[in-house]
Amino acid sequence: MAILDELTTGLDPVARREVWDLLEDLRETGVTLLLVSHFMEEAERLCDRVIVVDHGRIIAADTPEGLAAGVRADQRMTFLPSEPFDVAILEVLPDVHAVTLTGERVTVTGSDNVASAVIIALHERGISVGRLRVDQPSLDDAFVALTR
């Protein structure tokens, strides 16, 4: 159809999501869209297939999920604990690769099982996890890994 990068670049978040909804509706009618974007979140949401071009060459082509799954990146979780605790409790867990504190917020990176391991270890000590966010490797991580 058309190259759409300029269409969504300067939009505020509400307008951008409205445009994304329109593009998704159009795609569902069977129309093929060509989206050129530097915004991986946009590509992840709108594209069935992604081609990564680096220095004028195609270096990867797959679904957004396929590209993200191919990345060897840690799972990352962030949370606010119900009370302060010694991070050494988490650092000794085999699934944990790193623990960082930013104010009260705790960020833990590790294997695919890191979230479960951390929650269980803290629960055993009477500490609950609030404002939990768990991030898997994304298309953004794949792009960075492929173009480095």
C-alpha atoms as a PDB file:
ATOM      1  CA  MET A   1       0.000   0.000   0.000  1.00  0.00           C
ATOM      2  CA  ALA A   2       2.118   2.870   1.252  1.00  0.00           C
ATOM      3  CA  ILE A   3       5.183   3.460   3.332  1.00  0.00           C
ATOM      4  CA  LEU A   4       3.866   4.602   6.685  1.00  0.00           C
ATOM      5  CA  ASP A   5       6.872   5.653   8.793  1.00  0.00           C
ATOM      6  CA  GLU A   6       6.212   9.390   8.571  1.00  0.00           C
ATOM      7  CA  LEU A   7       2.562   8.845   9.422  1.00  0.00           C
ATOM      8  CA  THR A   8       3.136   7.693  12.998  1.00  0.00           C
ATOM      9  CA  THR A   9       6.471   9.297  13.895  1.00  0.00           C
ATOM     10  CA  GLY A  10       5.291  12.619  15.353  1.00  0.00           C
ATOM     11  CA  LEU A  11       2.030  11.538  16.943  1.00  0.00           C
ATOM     12  CA  ASP A  12       1.191  11.702  20.619  1.00  0.00           C
ATOM     13  CA  PRO A  13       0.539   8.286  22.249  1.00  0.00           C
ATOM     14  CA  VAL A  14      -3.265   8.493  21.935  1.00  0.00           C
ATOM     15  CA  ALA A  15      -3.213   9.502  18.274  1.00  0.00           C
ATOM     16  CA  ARG A  16      -0.517   6.915  17.499  1.00  0.00           C
ATOM     17  CA  ARG A  17      -2.624   4.125  18.996  1.00  0.00           C
ATOM     18  CA  GLU A  18      -5.655   5.308  17.022  1.00  0.00           C
ATOM     19  CA  VAL A  19      -3.619   5.131  13.809  1.00  0.00           C
ATOM     20  CA  TRP A  20      -2.359   1.675  14.822  1.00  0.00           C
ATOM     21  CA  ASP A  21      -5.969   0.534  15.353  1.00  0.00           C
ATOM     22  CA  LEU A  22      -6.899   1.831  11.890  1.00  0.00           C
ATOM     23  CA  LEU A  23      -3.946   0.025  10.317  1.00  0.00           C
ATOM     24  CA  GLU A  24      -4.835  -3.202  12.134  1.00  0.00           C
ATOM     25  CA  ASP A  25      -8.438  -2.919  10.880  1.00  0.00           C
ATOM     26  CA  LEU A  26      -7.184  -2.330   7.341  1.00  0.00           C
ATOM     27  CA  ARG A  27      -4.795  -5.292   7.561  1.00  0.00           C
ATOM     28  CA  GLU A  28      -7.672  -7.549   8.651  1.00  0.00           C
ATOM     29  CA  THR A  29      -9.441  -6.809   5.340  1.00  0.00           C
ATOM     30  CA  GLY A  30      -6.594  -8.528   3.506  1.00  0.00           C
ATOM     31  CA  VAL A  31      -4.737  -5.427   2.363  1.00  0.00           C
ATOM     32  CA  THR A  32      -0.958  -5.730   2.404  1.00  0.00           C
ATOM     33  CA  LEU A  33       0.780  -2.871   4.193  1.00  0.00           C
ATOM     34  CA  LEU A  34       4.436  -1.960   3.916  1.00  0.00           C
ATOM     35  CA  LEU A  35       5.588  -0.315   7.121  1.00  0.00           C
ATOM     36  CA  VAL A  36       9.043   1.204   7.386  1.00  0.00           C
ATOM     37  CA  SER A  37       9.777   2.043  10.993  1.00  0.00           C
ATOM     38  CA  HIS A  38      12.539   2.478  13.514  1.00  0.00           C
ATOM     39  CA  PHE A  39      10.035   1.887  16.317  1.00  0.00           C
ATOM     40  CA  MET A  40      10.190  -1.781  17.227  1.00  0.00           C
ATOM     41  CA  GLU A  41       7.065  -1.580  19.414  1.00  0.00           C
ATOM     42  CA  GLU A  42       5.163  -0.440  16.333  1.00  0.00           C
ATOM     43  CA  ALA A  43       6.596  -3.233  14.184  1.00  0.00           C
ATOM     44  CA  GLU A  44       5.896  -5.808  16.903  1.00  0.00           C
ATOM     45  CA  ARG A  45       2.257  -4.790  17.076  1.00  0.00           C
ATOM     46  CA  LEU A  46       1.489  -4.178  13.410  1.00  0.00           C
ATOM     47  CA  CYS A  47       3.652  -6.558  11.385  1.00  0.00           C
ATOM     48  CA  ASP A  48       3.158 -10.199  10.500  1.00  0.00           C
ATOM     49  CA  ARG A  49       6.684 -10.376   9.060  1.00  0.00           C
ATOM     50  CA  VAL A  50       9.731  -8.206   9.750  1.00  0.00           C
ATOM     51  CA  ILE A  51      12.794  -7.701   7.609  1.00  0.00           C
ATOM     52  CA  VAL A  52      15.840  -6.222   9.337  1.00  0.00           C
ATOM     53  CA  VAL A  53      18.070  -4.204   7.031  1.00  0.00           C
ATOM     54  CA  ASP A  54      21.564  -3.173   8.127  1.00  0.00           C
ATOM     55  CA  HIS A  55      23.886  -1.155   5.896  1.00  0.00           C
ATOM     56  CA  GLY A  56      21.609  -1.814   2.908  1.00  0.00           C
ATOM     57  CA  ARG A  57      21.541  -5.597   3.356  1.00  0.00           C
ATOM     58  CA  ILE A  58      18.800  -7.863   4.622  1.00  0.00           C
ATOM     59  CA  ILE A  59      20.244  -9.571   7.689  1.00  0.00           C
ATOM     60  CA  ALA A  60      17.116 -11.247   9.072  1.00  0.00           C
ATOM     61  CA  ALA A  61      13.511 -11.977   8.158  1.00  0.00           C
ATOM     62  CA  ASP A  62      10.915 -13.645  10.350  1.00  0.00           C
ATOM     63  CA  THR A  63       7.846 -12.946  12.432  1.00  0.00           C
ATOM     64  CA  PRO A  64       8.361 -10.469  15.282  1.00  0.00           C
ATOM     65  CA  GLU A  65       8.000 -13.367  17.715  1.00  0.00           C
ATOM     66  CA  GLY A  66      10.489 -15.483  15.772  1.00  0.00           C
ATOM     67  CA  LEU A  67      13.123 -12.755  15.761  1.00  0.00           C
ATOM     68  CA  ALA A  68      12.635 -12.071  19.484  1.00  0.00           C
ATOM     69  CA  ALA A  69      12.798 -15.783  20.315  1.00  0.00           C
ATOM     70  CA  GLY A  70      16.151 -16.037  18.548  1.00  0.00           C
ATOM     71  CA  VAL A  71      17.752 -13.527  20.891  1.00  0.00           C
ATOM     72  CA  ARG A  72      19.870 -14.811  23.702  1.00  0.00           C
ATOM     73  CA  ALA A  73      18.792 -12.208  26.226  1.00  0.00           C
ATOM     74  CA  ASP A  74      17.841 -12.430  29.850  1.00  0.00           C
ATOM     75  CA  GLN A  75      14.324 -12.156  31.136  1.00  0.00           C
ATOM     76  CA  ARG A  76      14.019  -8.991  33.227  1.00  0.00           C
ATOM     77  CA  MET A  77      11.667  -8.370  36.106  1.00  0.00           C
ATOM     78  CA  THR A  78      11.141  -5.225  38.143  1.00  0.00           C
ATOM     79  CA  PHE A  79       9.104  -4.857  41.309  1.00  0.00           C
ATOM     80  CA  LEU A  80       8.621  -3.034  44.579  1.00  0.00           C
ATOM     81  CA  PRO A  81       9.118  -5.307  47.618  1.00  0.00           C
ATOM     82  CA  SER A  82       6.726  -5.020  50.552  1.00  0.00           C
ATOM     83  CA  GLU A  83       9.739  -4.394  52.811  1.00  0.00           C
ATOM     84  CA  PRO A  84      13.508  -3.935  52.466  1.00  0.00           C
ATOM     85  CA  PHE A  85      15.562  -7.116  52.148  1.00  0.00           C
ATOM     86  CA  ASP A  86      19.145  -8.200  51.553  1.00  0.00           C
ATOM     87  CA  VAL A  87      19.603  -8.663  47.777  1.00  0.00           C
ATOM     88  CA  ALA A  88      22.039 -11.507  48.523  1.00  0.00           C
ATOM     89  CA  ILE A  89      18.889 -13.627  49.012  1.00  0.00           C
ATOM     90  CA  LEU A  90      18.317 -13.320  45.263  1.00  0.00           C
ATOM     91  CA  GLU A  91      21.906 -13.171  44.036  1.00  0.00           C
ATOM     92  CA  VAL A  92      22.530 -16.772  45.160  1.00  0.00           C
ATOM     93  CA  LEU A  93      19.605 -18.185  43.157  1.00  0.00           C
ATOM     94  CA  PRO A  94      20.803 -20.192  40.124  1.00  0.00           C
ATOM     95  CA  ASP A  95      18.267 -18.508  37.800  1.00  0.00           C
ATOM     96  CA  VAL A  96      19.424 -14.994  38.755  1.00  0.00           C
ATOM     97  CA  HIS A  97      22.196 -13.316  36.761  1.00  0.00           C
ATOM     98  CA  ALA A  98      22.062  -9.806  38.268  1.00  0.00           C
ATOM     99  CA  VAL A  99      20.166  -7.742  40.848  1.00  0.00           C
ATOM    100  CA  THR A 100      20.095  -3.937  40.910  1.00  0.00           C
ATOM    101  CA  LEU A 101      18.354  -1.464  43.193  1.00  0.00           C
ATOM    102  CA  THR A 102      17.083   1.927  42.061  1.00  0.00           C
ATOM    103  CA  GLY A 103      15.555   3.545  45.093  1.00  0.00           C
ATOM    104  CA  GLU A 104      12.997   1.016  46.302  1.00  0.00           C
ATOM    105  CA  ARG A 105      12.605  -0.606  42.860  1.00  0.00           C
ATOM    106  CA  VAL A 106      14.372  -3.946  42.381  1.00  0.00           C
ATOM    107  CA  THR A 107      15.418  -5.181  38.926  1.00  0.00           C
ATOM    108  CA  VAL A 108      16.437  -8.801  38.471  1.00  0.00           C
ATOM    109  CA  THR A 109      17.703 -10.375  35.260  1.00  0.00           C
ATOM    110  CA  GLY A 110      18.101 -14.053  34.644  1.00  0.00           C
ATOM    111  CA  SER A 111      16.870 -17.195  32.939  1.00  0.00           C
ATOM    112  CA  ASP A 112      13.313 -17.908  31.814  1.00  0.00           C
ATOM    113  CA  ASN A 113      12.477 -19.117  35.333  1.00  0.00           C
ATOM    114  CA  VAL A 114      13.785 -16.026  37.148  1.00  0.00           C
ATOM    115  CA  ALA A 115      10.384 -14.540  38.031  1.00  0.00           C
ATOM    116  CA  SER A 116       9.142 -17.715  39.672  1.00  0.00           C
ATOM    117  CA  ALA A 117      12.406 -18.273  41.540  1.00  0.00           C
ATOM    118  CA  VAL A 118      12.474 -14.713  42.893  1.00  0.00           C
ATOM    119  CA  ILE A 119       8.820 -14.662  43.937  1.00  0.00           C
ATOM    120  CA  ILE A 120       9.152 -18.006  45.747  1.00  0.00           C
ATOM    121  CA  ALA A 121      12.371 -16.973  47.525  1.00  0.00           C
ATOM    122  CA  LEU A 122      10.826 -13.720  48.730  1.00  0.00           C
ATOM    123  CA  HIS A 123       7.523 -15.350  49.669  1.00  0.00           C
ATOM    124  CA  GLU A 124       9.393 -17.831  51.874  1.00  0.00           C
ATOM    125  CA  ARG A 125      10.700 -14.807  53.794  1.00  0.00           C
ATOM    126  CA  GLY A 126       7.293 -13.109  54.076  1.00  0.00           C
ATOM    127  CA  ILE A 127       8.065 -10.488  51.431  1.00  0.00           C
ATOM    128  CA  SER A 128       5.506  -9.784  48.732  1.00  0.00           C
ATOM    129  CA  VAL A 129       6.124  -8.341  45.299  1.00  0.00           C
ATOM    130  CA  GLY A 130       4.180  -5.272  44.130  1.00  0.00           C
ATOM    131  CA  ARG A 131       4.068  -3.383  40.827  1.00  0.00           C
ATOM    132  CA  LEU A 132       5.567  -6.455  39.117  1.00  0.00           C
ATOM    133  CA  ARG A 133       6.664  -6.211  35.514  1.00  0.00           C
ATOM    134  CA  VAL A 134       8.278  -9.090  33.639  1.00  0.00           C
ATOM    135  CA  ASP A 135       9.874  -8.409  30.250  1.00  0.00           C
ATOM    136  CA  GLN A 136      10.797 -11.106  27.764  1.00  0.00           C
ATOM    137  CA  PRO A 137      13.336 -10.513  24.987  1.00  0.00           C
ATOM    138  CA  SER A 138      11.619  -8.267  22.448  1.00  0.00           C
ATOM    139  CA  LEU A 139      11.922  -7.283  18.812  1.00  0.00           C
ATOM    140  CA  ASP A 140      13.916  -4.302  20.061  1.00  0.00           C
ATOM    141  CA  ASP A 141      16.409  -6.690  21.723  1.00  0.00           C
ATOM    142  CA  ALA A 142      16.569  -8.728  18.490  1.00  0.00           C
ATOM    143  CA  PHE A 143      17.273  -5.626  16.410  1.00  0.00           C
ATOM    144  CA  VAL A 144      20.104  -4.559  18.713  1.00  0.00           C
ATOM    145  CA  ALA A 145      21.598  -8.055  18.762  1.00  0.00           C
ATOM    146  CA  LEU A 146      21.400  -8.403  14.976  1.00  0.00           C
ATOM    147  CA  THR A 147      22.869  -5.002  14.127  1.00  0.00           C
ATOM    148  CA  ARG A 148      25.725  -4.821  16.630  1.00  0.00           C
END
